[in-house]
Amino acid sequence: MTTALDIIKDAMGVVGVIAQNETPSSSESASGLKALNNMLALWANDRTFAYTVINNNAPLSNGVISYTIGAGGVINIPRPVTIDYAYIRLNNIDYPMQKISSQDYDSVPYKNNQGFPQYFYYDKGFPLGTIYIYGAPQANMTLYFDTWVQLTQFTSLVNDLTFPPGYEMAIVHNLAKFLAPRYGMTLTSEAAELAVSSLAMVRERNIPDLVLKTEVGLINGRVPYGYGAWSY
């Protein structure tokens, strides 16, 4: 377990602002906490900082094609940065859906089509995102989707958090890079190299396995939704 103050002290020690046995002042600690959380919030937007994904589920309502996602939303979970994969479960059988862009979704002439759900579009709005499903689901269906597990921000200087192996070194040395200009200082070449190498190792470990896929439309000549007499 590591507190925010532990990380801030270590980062300031790397910069050379404080000695090993010194403690930052209250104003320095508050500034360090803000910088730390800003850095973690920035990292949360990058898949290679997410050390795992979790599978979420939510019941679907008959004919309802859109659901807000986030704290206080219809699907009340932390707002996802993105949704890369989703599927429908009906009678214990899973039916994958294809992710489409906003342009693809906007091009659908009739979005309340009652056909079986085949596609989804995720609007990354803030503070609530919204997932749109095409066609309209039935009441006995359940939506499943994967979301990144983002790094948790510190709520206070004494807040204890646990990180996967290697993250603490990357956080400390990259926070030092954030803080150094504020004190008119630069990192030593060794500290700068540790910041780069530790961050690279964390990100490399989290790169998803890449699988080559080909759109169905490129195989059989059809585009999504089969427009040509809109084969719903």
C-alpha atoms as a PDB file:
ATOM      1  CA  MET A   1       0.000   0.000   0.000  1.00  0.00           C
ATOM      2  CA  THR A   2       1.274   3.454  -0.915  1.00  0.00           C
ATOM      3  CA  THR A   3      -0.056   6.876   0.036  1.00  0.00           C
ATOM      4  CA  ALA A   4      -0.082   9.928  -2.195  1.00  0.00           C
ATOM      5  CA  LEU A   5       2.273  11.651   0.240  1.00  0.00           C
ATOM      6  CA  ASP A   6       4.760   8.759  -0.102  1.00  0.00           C
ATOM      7  CA  ILE A   7       4.769   9.160  -3.884  1.00  0.00           C
ATOM      8  CA  ILE A   8       5.055  12.964  -3.716  1.00  0.00           C
ATOM      9  CA  LYS A   9       7.954  12.758  -1.267  1.00  0.00           C
ATOM     10  CA  ASP A  10       9.763  10.223  -3.443  1.00  0.00           C
ATOM     11  CA  ALA A  11       9.162  12.289  -6.592  1.00  0.00           C
ATOM     12  CA  MET A  12      10.417  15.481  -4.925  1.00  0.00           C
ATOM     13  CA  GLY A  13      13.443  13.538  -3.726  1.00  0.00           C
ATOM     14  CA  VAL A  14      14.148  12.449  -7.316  1.00  0.00           C
ATOM     15  CA  VAL A  15      13.885  16.075  -8.450  1.00  0.00           C
ATOM     16  CA  GLY A  16      16.166  17.157  -5.601  1.00  0.00           C
ATOM     17  CA  VAL A  17      13.694  19.582  -4.024  1.00  0.00           C
ATOM     18  CA  ILE A  18      13.806  17.863  -0.648  1.00  0.00           C
ATOM     19  CA  ALA A  19      16.329  15.617   1.102  1.00  0.00           C
ATOM     20  CA  GLN A  20      15.615  11.973   1.888  1.00  0.00           C
ATOM     21  CA  ASN A  21      14.373  12.605   5.426  1.00  0.00           C
ATOM     22  CA  GLU A  22      12.502  15.832   4.698  1.00  0.00           C
ATOM     23  CA  THR A  23       8.748  16.254   4.268  1.00  0.00           C
ATOM     24  CA  PRO A  24       7.220  18.688   1.779  1.00  0.00           C
ATOM     25  CA  SER A  25       5.312  21.669   3.169  1.00  0.00           C
ATOM     26  CA  SER A  26       1.520  21.654   3.170  1.00  0.00           C
ATOM     27  CA  SER A  27       1.388  23.855   0.061  1.00  0.00           C
ATOM     28  CA  GLU A  28       3.955  21.677  -1.725  1.00  0.00           C
ATOM     29  CA  SER A  29       2.004  18.558  -0.771  1.00  0.00           C
ATOM     30  CA  ALA A  30      -1.268  20.018  -2.043  1.00  0.00           C
ATOM     31  CA  SER A  31       0.384  21.056  -5.303  1.00  0.00           C
ATOM     32  CA  GLY A  32       2.000  17.631  -5.622  1.00  0.00           C
ATOM     33  CA  LEU A  33      -1.337  15.879  -5.061  1.00  0.00           C
ATOM     34  CA  LYS A  34      -2.970  17.933  -7.804  1.00  0.00           C
ATOM     35  CA  ALA A  35      -0.108  17.169 -10.208  1.00  0.00           C
ATOM     36  CA  LEU A  36      -0.244  13.467  -9.336  1.00  0.00           C
ATOM     37  CA  ASN A  37      -3.976  13.203  -9.965  1.00  0.00           C
ATOM     38  CA  ASN A  38      -3.707  15.221 -13.176  1.00  0.00           C
ATOM     39  CA  MET A  39      -1.056  12.812 -14.431  1.00  0.00           C
ATOM     40  CA  LEU A  40      -3.137   9.741 -13.524  1.00  0.00           C
ATOM     41  CA  ALA A  41      -6.188  11.304 -15.196  1.00  0.00           C
ATOM     42  CA  LEU A  42      -4.140  11.841 -18.359  1.00  0.00           C
ATOM     43  CA  TRP A  43      -2.927   8.235 -18.314  1.00  0.00           C
ATOM     44  CA  ALA A  44      -6.506   6.998 -17.895  1.00  0.00           C
ATOM     45  CA  ASN A  45      -7.207   7.992 -21.507  1.00  0.00           C
ATOM     46  CA  ASP A  46      -4.637   5.540 -22.879  1.00  0.00           C
ATOM     47  CA  ARG A  47      -5.378   1.810 -23.174  1.00  0.00           C
ATOM     48  CA  THR A  48      -1.735   0.912 -22.519  1.00  0.00           C
ATOM     49  CA  PHE A  49      -2.016   2.194 -18.938  1.00  0.00           C
ATOM     50  CA  ALA A  50      -5.032  -0.026 -18.178  1.00  0.00           C
ATOM     51  CA  TYR A  51      -3.722  -3.206 -16.576  1.00  0.00           C
ATOM     52  CA  THR A  52      -6.899  -5.205 -17.205  1.00  0.00           C
ATOM     53  CA  VAL A  53     -10.473  -4.978 -18.445  1.00  0.00           C
ATOM     54  CA  ILE A  54     -13.651  -5.894 -16.617  1.00  0.00           C
ATOM     55  CA  ASN A  55     -16.867  -7.309 -18.030  1.00  0.00           C
ATOM     56  CA  ASN A  56     -19.976  -5.306 -17.138  1.00  0.00           C
ATOM     57  CA  ASN A  57     -23.609  -6.214 -17.682  1.00  0.00           C
ATOM     58  CA  ALA A  58     -26.944  -4.439 -17.630  1.00  0.00           C
ATOM     59  CA  PRO A  59     -30.530  -5.523 -18.383  1.00  0.00           C
ATOM     60  CA  LEU A  60     -32.052  -4.040 -21.520  1.00  0.00           C
ATOM     61  CA  SER A  61     -35.547  -2.625 -21.797  1.00  0.00           C
ATOM     62  CA  ASN A  62     -37.926  -3.541 -24.575  1.00  0.00           C
ATOM     63  CA  GLY A  63     -37.503  -1.159 -27.522  1.00  0.00           C
ATOM     64  CA  VAL A  64     -35.037   1.160 -25.717  1.00  0.00           C
ATOM     65  CA  ILE A  65     -32.061   1.840 -27.971  1.00  0.00           C
ATOM     66  CA  SER A  66     -29.874   4.168 -25.837  1.00  0.00           C
ATOM     67  CA  TYR A  67     -28.521   3.926 -22.281  1.00  0.00           C
ATOM     68  CA  THR A  68     -26.414   6.470 -20.382  1.00  0.00           C
ATOM     69  CA  ILE A  69     -23.311   5.100 -18.669  1.00  0.00           C
ATOM     70  CA  GLY A  70     -21.499   6.642 -15.729  1.00  0.00           C
ATOM     71  CA  ALA A  71     -22.053   7.574 -12.098  1.00  0.00           C
ATOM     72  CA  GLY A  72     -25.792   8.178 -11.759  1.00  0.00           C
ATOM     73  CA  GLY A  73     -26.531   6.963 -15.296  1.00  0.00           C
ATOM     74  CA  VAL A  74     -28.907   4.211 -16.367  1.00  0.00           C
ATOM     75  CA  ILE A  75     -25.883   1.910 -16.245  1.00  0.00           C
ATOM     76  CA  ASN A  76     -24.385   3.112 -12.989  1.00  0.00           C
ATOM     77  CA  ILE A  77     -20.674   2.338 -13.277  1.00  0.00           C
ATOM     78  CA  PRO A  78     -17.594   4.577 -13.680  1.00  0.00           C
ATOM     79  CA  ARG A  79     -17.853   6.261 -17.091  1.00  0.00           C
ATOM     80  CA  PRO A  80     -15.847   4.214 -19.609  1.00  0.00           C
ATOM     81  CA  VAL A  81     -13.181   5.968 -21.648  1.00  0.00           C
ATOM     82  CA  THR A  82     -14.319   3.780 -24.531  1.00  0.00           C
ATOM     83  CA  ILE A  83     -16.113   0.506 -25.208  1.00  0.00           C
ATOM     84  CA  ASP A  84     -14.294  -1.767 -27.617  1.00  0.00           C
ATOM     85  CA  TYR A  85     -16.436  -4.872 -27.377  1.00  0.00           C
ATOM     86  CA  ALA A  86     -20.047  -5.670 -26.516  1.00  0.00           C
ATOM     87  CA  TYR A  87     -22.500  -8.511 -26.901  1.00  0.00           C
ATOM     88  CA  ILE A  88     -26.094  -9.450 -26.169  1.00  0.00           C
ATOM     89  CA  ARG A  89     -27.064 -12.471 -24.064  1.00  0.00           C
ATOM     90  CA  LEU A  90     -30.411 -14.093 -24.727  1.00  0.00           C
ATOM     91  CA  ASN A  91     -31.455 -17.425 -23.221  1.00  0.00           C
ATOM     92  CA  ASN A  92     -27.843 -18.074 -22.153  1.00  0.00           C
ATOM     93  CA  ILE A  93     -26.536 -17.623 -25.682  1.00  0.00           C
ATOM     94  CA  ASP A  94     -24.172 -14.745 -26.494  1.00  0.00           C
ATOM     95  CA  TYR A  95     -24.484 -12.710 -29.698  1.00  0.00           C
ATOM     96  CA  PRO A  96     -21.535 -10.376 -30.416  1.00  0.00           C
ATOM     97  CA  MET A  97     -22.306  -6.910 -31.753  1.00  0.00           C
ATOM     98  CA  GLN A  98     -20.173  -4.925 -34.171  1.00  0.00           C
ATOM     99  CA  LYS A  99     -18.801  -1.573 -33.021  1.00  0.00           C
ATOM    100  CA  ILE A 100     -19.560   1.284 -35.426  1.00  0.00           C
ATOM    101  CA  SER A 101     -18.615   4.954 -35.613  1.00  0.00           C
ATOM    102  CA  SER A 102     -20.827   7.989 -35.076  1.00  0.00           C
ATOM    103  CA  GLN A 103     -20.938   8.486 -38.840  1.00  0.00           C
ATOM    104  CA  ASP A 104     -22.141   4.917 -39.370  1.00  0.00           C
ATOM    105  CA  TYR A 105     -24.808   5.313 -36.706  1.00  0.00           C
ATOM    106  CA  ASP A 106     -25.923   8.691 -38.034  1.00  0.00           C
ATOM    107  CA  SER A 107     -26.360   7.140 -41.488  1.00  0.00           C
ATOM    108  CA  VAL A 108     -28.995   4.672 -40.240  1.00  0.00           C
ATOM    109  CA  PRO A 109     -32.338   6.001 -41.597  1.00  0.00           C
ATOM    110  CA  TYR A 110     -34.572   4.370 -38.983  1.00  0.00           C
ATOM    111  CA  LYS A 111     -32.871   3.814 -35.658  1.00  0.00           C
ATOM    112  CA  ASN A 112     -35.833   2.222 -33.826  1.00  0.00           C
ATOM    113  CA  ASN A 113     -35.808  -0.862 -36.015  1.00  0.00           C
ATOM    114  CA  GLN A 114     -37.074  -3.812 -33.960  1.00  0.00           C
ATOM    115  CA  GLY A 115     -34.649  -6.332 -35.462  1.00  0.00           C
ATOM    116  CA  PHE A 116     -32.155  -8.253 -33.361  1.00  0.00           C
ATOM    117  CA  PRO A 117     -29.312  -6.042 -31.999  1.00  0.00           C
ATOM    118  CA  GLN A 118     -26.304  -6.266 -34.277  1.00  0.00           C
ATOM    119  CA  TYR A 119     -24.390  -2.997 -33.863  1.00  0.00           C
ATOM    120  CA  PHE A 120     -23.471  -0.524 -31.146  1.00  0.00           C
ATOM    121  CA  TYR A 121     -22.078   2.992 -31.041  1.00  0.00           C
ATOM    122  CA  TYR A 122     -20.591   4.544 -27.893  1.00  0.00           C
ATOM    123  CA  ASP A 123     -20.798   8.322 -27.491  1.00  0.00           C
ATOM    124  CA  LYS A 124     -17.976   9.323 -25.105  1.00  0.00           C
ATOM    125  CA  GLY A 125     -19.916  12.223 -23.595  1.00  0.00           C
ATOM    126  CA  PHE A 126     -19.022  13.615 -20.173  1.00  0.00           C
ATOM    127  CA  PRO A 127     -19.969  13.194 -17.375  1.00  0.00           C
ATOM    128  CA  LEU A 128     -22.179  10.456 -18.852  1.00  0.00           C
ATOM    129  CA  GLY A 129     -21.399   8.409 -21.928  1.00  0.00           C
ATOM    130  CA  THR A 130     -24.192   6.853 -23.972  1.00  0.00           C
ATOM    131  CA  ILE A 131     -24.322   3.515 -25.738  1.00  0.00           C
ATOM    132  CA  TYR A 132     -26.666   3.237 -28.735  1.00  0.00           C
ATOM    133  CA  ILE A 133     -27.877  -0.156 -29.891  1.00  0.00           C
ATOM    134  CA  TYR A 134     -29.165  -1.065 -33.337  1.00  0.00           C
ATOM    135  CA  GLY A 135     -31.724  -2.791 -33.671  1.00  0.00           C
ATOM    136  CA  ALA A 136     -33.937  -2.247 -30.686  1.00  0.00           C
ATOM    137  CA  PRO A 137     -33.519  -4.898 -27.953  1.00  0.00           C
ATOM    138  CA  GLN A 138     -36.115  -7.034 -26.247  1.00  0.00           C
ATOM    139  CA  ALA A 139     -36.805  -6.890 -22.513  1.00  0.00           C
ATOM    140  CA  ASN A 140     -35.329 -10.311 -21.791  1.00  0.00           C
ATOM    141  CA  MET A 141     -31.899  -9.439 -23.221  1.00  0.00           C
ATOM    142  CA  THR A 142     -28.785  -8.497 -21.239  1.00  0.00           C
ATOM    143  CA  LEU A 143     -26.023  -6.237 -22.508  1.00  0.00           C
ATOM    144  CA  TYR A 144     -22.426  -7.210 -21.738  1.00  0.00           C
ATOM    145  CA  PHE A 145     -19.451  -4.974 -22.482  1.00  0.00           C
ATOM    146  CA  ASP A 146     -15.803  -4.657 -21.536  1.00  0.00           C
ATOM    147  CA  THR A 147     -14.261  -1.538 -20.000  1.00  0.00           C
ATOM    148  CA  TRP A 148     -10.722  -0.613 -19.029  1.00  0.00           C
ATOM    149  CA  VAL A 149      -9.746  -0.651 -15.367  1.00  0.00           C
ATOM    150  CA  GLN A 150      -8.349   2.856 -15.000  1.00  0.00           C
ATOM    151  CA  LEU A 151      -5.784   3.906 -12.442  1.00  0.00           C
ATOM    152  CA  THR A 152      -7.570   5.267  -9.383  1.00  0.00           C
ATOM    153  CA  GLN A 153      -6.831   8.822  -8.357  1.00  0.00           C
ATOM    154  CA  PHE A 154      -5.917   9.710  -4.774  1.00  0.00           C
ATOM    155  CA  THR A 155      -8.652  11.381  -2.743  1.00  0.00           C
ATOM    156  CA  SER A 156      -6.236  12.676  -0.098  1.00  0.00           C
ATOM    157  CA  LEU A 157      -2.571  12.713   0.843  1.00  0.00           C
ATOM    158  CA  VAL A 158      -3.067   9.764   3.195  1.00  0.00           C
ATOM    159  CA  ASN A 159      -5.234   7.731   0.807  1.00  0.00           C
ATOM    160  CA  ASP A 160      -3.728   4.225   0.460  1.00  0.00           C
ATOM    161  CA  LEU A 161      -3.685   2.586  -2.975  1.00  0.00           C
ATOM    162  CA  THR A 162      -2.140  -0.580  -4.344  1.00  0.00           C
ATOM    163  CA  PHE A 163      -0.673  -0.684  -7.861  1.00  0.00           C
ATOM    164  CA  PRO A 164       0.439  -3.630  -9.990  1.00  0.00           C
ATOM    165  CA  PRO A 165       4.180  -4.389 -10.003  1.00  0.00           C
ATOM    166  CA  GLY A 166       6.266  -1.704 -11.700  1.00  0.00           C
ATOM    167  CA  TYR A 167       3.631   1.039 -11.618  1.00  0.00           C
ATOM    168  CA  GLU A 168       4.941   2.781  -8.515  1.00  0.00           C
ATOM    169  CA  MET A 169       8.383   3.394 -10.008  1.00  0.00           C
ATOM    170  CA  ALA A 170       6.831   4.691 -13.219  1.00  0.00           C
ATOM    171  CA  ILE A 171       4.471   6.979 -11.291  1.00  0.00           C
ATOM    172  CA  VAL A 172       7.191   8.377  -9.016  1.00  0.00           C
ATOM    173  CA  HIS A 173       9.698   9.155 -11.759  1.00  0.00           C
ATOM    174  CA  ASN A 174       7.151  10.553 -14.192  1.00  0.00           C
ATOM    175  CA  LEU A 175       5.625  12.701 -11.451  1.00  0.00           C
ATOM    176  CA  ALA A 176       9.156  13.983 -10.912  1.00  0.00           C
ATOM    177  CA  LYS A 177       9.174  15.016 -14.606  1.00  0.00           C
ATOM    178  CA  PHE A 178       5.879  16.843 -14.012  1.00  0.00           C
ATOM    179  CA  LEU A 179       7.205  18.638 -10.927  1.00  0.00           C
ATOM    180  CA  ALA A 180      10.742  19.538 -11.979  1.00  0.00           C
ATOM    181  CA  PRO A 181       9.852  22.574 -14.167  1.00  0.00           C
ATOM    182  CA  ARG A 182       7.791  24.044 -11.314  1.00  0.00           C
ATOM    183  CA  TYR A 183      10.968  24.300  -9.258  1.00  0.00           C
ATOM    184  CA  GLY A 184      13.190  25.414 -12.142  1.00  0.00           C
ATOM    185  CA  MET A 185      15.049  22.116 -12.083  1.00  0.00           C
ATOM    186  CA  THR A 186      15.770  19.260 -14.457  1.00  0.00           C
ATOM    187  CA  LEU A 187      16.100  15.566 -13.750  1.00  0.00           C
ATOM    188  CA  THR A 188      19.448  13.856 -13.820  1.00  0.00           C
ATOM    189  CA  SER A 189      20.046  11.730 -16.910  1.00  0.00           C
ATOM    190  CA  GLU A 190      19.657   8.601 -14.785  1.00  0.00           C
ATOM    191  CA  ALA A 191      16.303   9.722 -13.352  1.00  0.00           C
ATOM    192  CA  ALA A 192      15.048  10.777 -16.789  1.00  0.00           C
ATOM    193  CA  GLU A 193      16.016   7.392 -18.224  1.00  0.00           C
ATOM    194  CA  LEU A 194      14.211   5.600 -15.385  1.00  0.00           C
ATOM    195  CA  ALA A 195      11.092   7.672 -16.085  1.00  0.00           C
ATOM    196  CA  VAL A 196      11.139   6.670 -19.760  1.00  0.00           C
ATOM    197  CA  SER A 197      12.087   3.006 -19.323  1.00  0.00           C
ATOM    198  CA  SER A 198       9.717   2.264 -16.436  1.00  0.00           C
ATOM    199  CA  LEU A 199       6.812   3.852 -18.296  1.00  0.00           C
ATOM    200  CA  ALA A 200       7.648   1.921 -21.463  1.00  0.00           C
ATOM    201  CA  MET A 201       7.708  -1.384 -19.563  1.00  0.00           C
ATOM    202  CA  VAL A 202       4.302  -0.709 -18.008  1.00  0.00           C
ATOM    203  CA  ARG A 203       2.754   0.237 -21.350  1.00  0.00           C
ATOM    204  CA  GLU A 204       4.321  -2.687 -23.230  1.00  0.00           C
ATOM    205  CA  ARG A 205       2.827  -5.156 -20.765  1.00  0.00           C
ATOM    206  CA  ASN A 206      -0.658  -3.719 -21.280  1.00  0.00           C
ATOM    207  CA  ILE A 207      -0.754  -3.666 -25.098  1.00  0.00           C
ATOM    208  CA  PRO A 208      -3.744  -5.818 -26.149  1.00  0.00           C
ATOM    209  CA  ASP A 209      -3.161  -8.864 -28.306  1.00  0.00           C
ATOM    210  CA  LEU A 210      -3.781  -7.783 -31.871  1.00  0.00           C
ATOM    211  CA  VAL A 211      -5.958  -9.962 -34.091  1.00  0.00           C
ATOM    212  CA  LEU A 212      -6.301  -9.272 -37.800  1.00  0.00           C
ATOM    213  CA  LYS A 213      -9.959  -8.933 -38.774  1.00  0.00           C
ATOM    214  CA  THR A 214     -11.672  -8.231 -42.071  1.00  0.00           C
ATOM    215  CA  GLU A 215     -15.013  -6.461 -42.358  1.00  0.00           C
ATOM    216  CA  VAL A 216     -17.771  -8.722 -43.605  1.00  0.00           C
ATOM    217  CA  GLY A 217     -18.675  -6.128 -46.217  1.00  0.00           C
ATOM    218  CA  LEU A 218     -15.247  -6.520 -47.818  1.00  0.00           C
ATOM    219  CA  ILE A 219     -15.776 -10.255 -48.145  1.00  0.00           C
ATOM    220  CA  ASN A 220     -19.258 -10.493 -49.601  1.00  0.00           C
ATOM    221  CA  GLY A 221     -19.667  -7.039 -51.096  1.00  0.00           C
ATOM    222  CA  ARG A 222     -22.152  -5.793 -48.497  1.00  0.00           C
ATOM    223  CA  VAL A 223     -21.802  -2.717 -46.324  1.00  0.00           C
ATOM    224  CA  PRO A 224     -23.104  -2.544 -42.762  1.00  0.00           C
ATOM    225  CA  TYR A 225     -26.881  -2.769 -42.548  1.00  0.00           C
ATOM    226  CA  GLY A 226     -27.002  -4.020 -46.170  1.00  0.00           C
ATOM    227  CA  TYR A 227     -28.151  -0.746 -47.638  1.00  0.00           C
ATOM    228  CA  GLY A 228     -29.382  -1.485 -51.017  1.00  0.00           C
ATOM    229  CA  ALA A 229     -32.828  -1.998 -49.921  1.00  0.00           C
ATOM    230  CA  TRP A 230     -31.865  -1.597 -46.290  1.00  0.00           C
ATOM    231  CA  SER A 231     -31.942  -5.214 -45.281  1.00  0.00           C
ATOM    232  CA  TYR A 232     -32.943  -4.735 -41.694  1.00  0.00           C
END
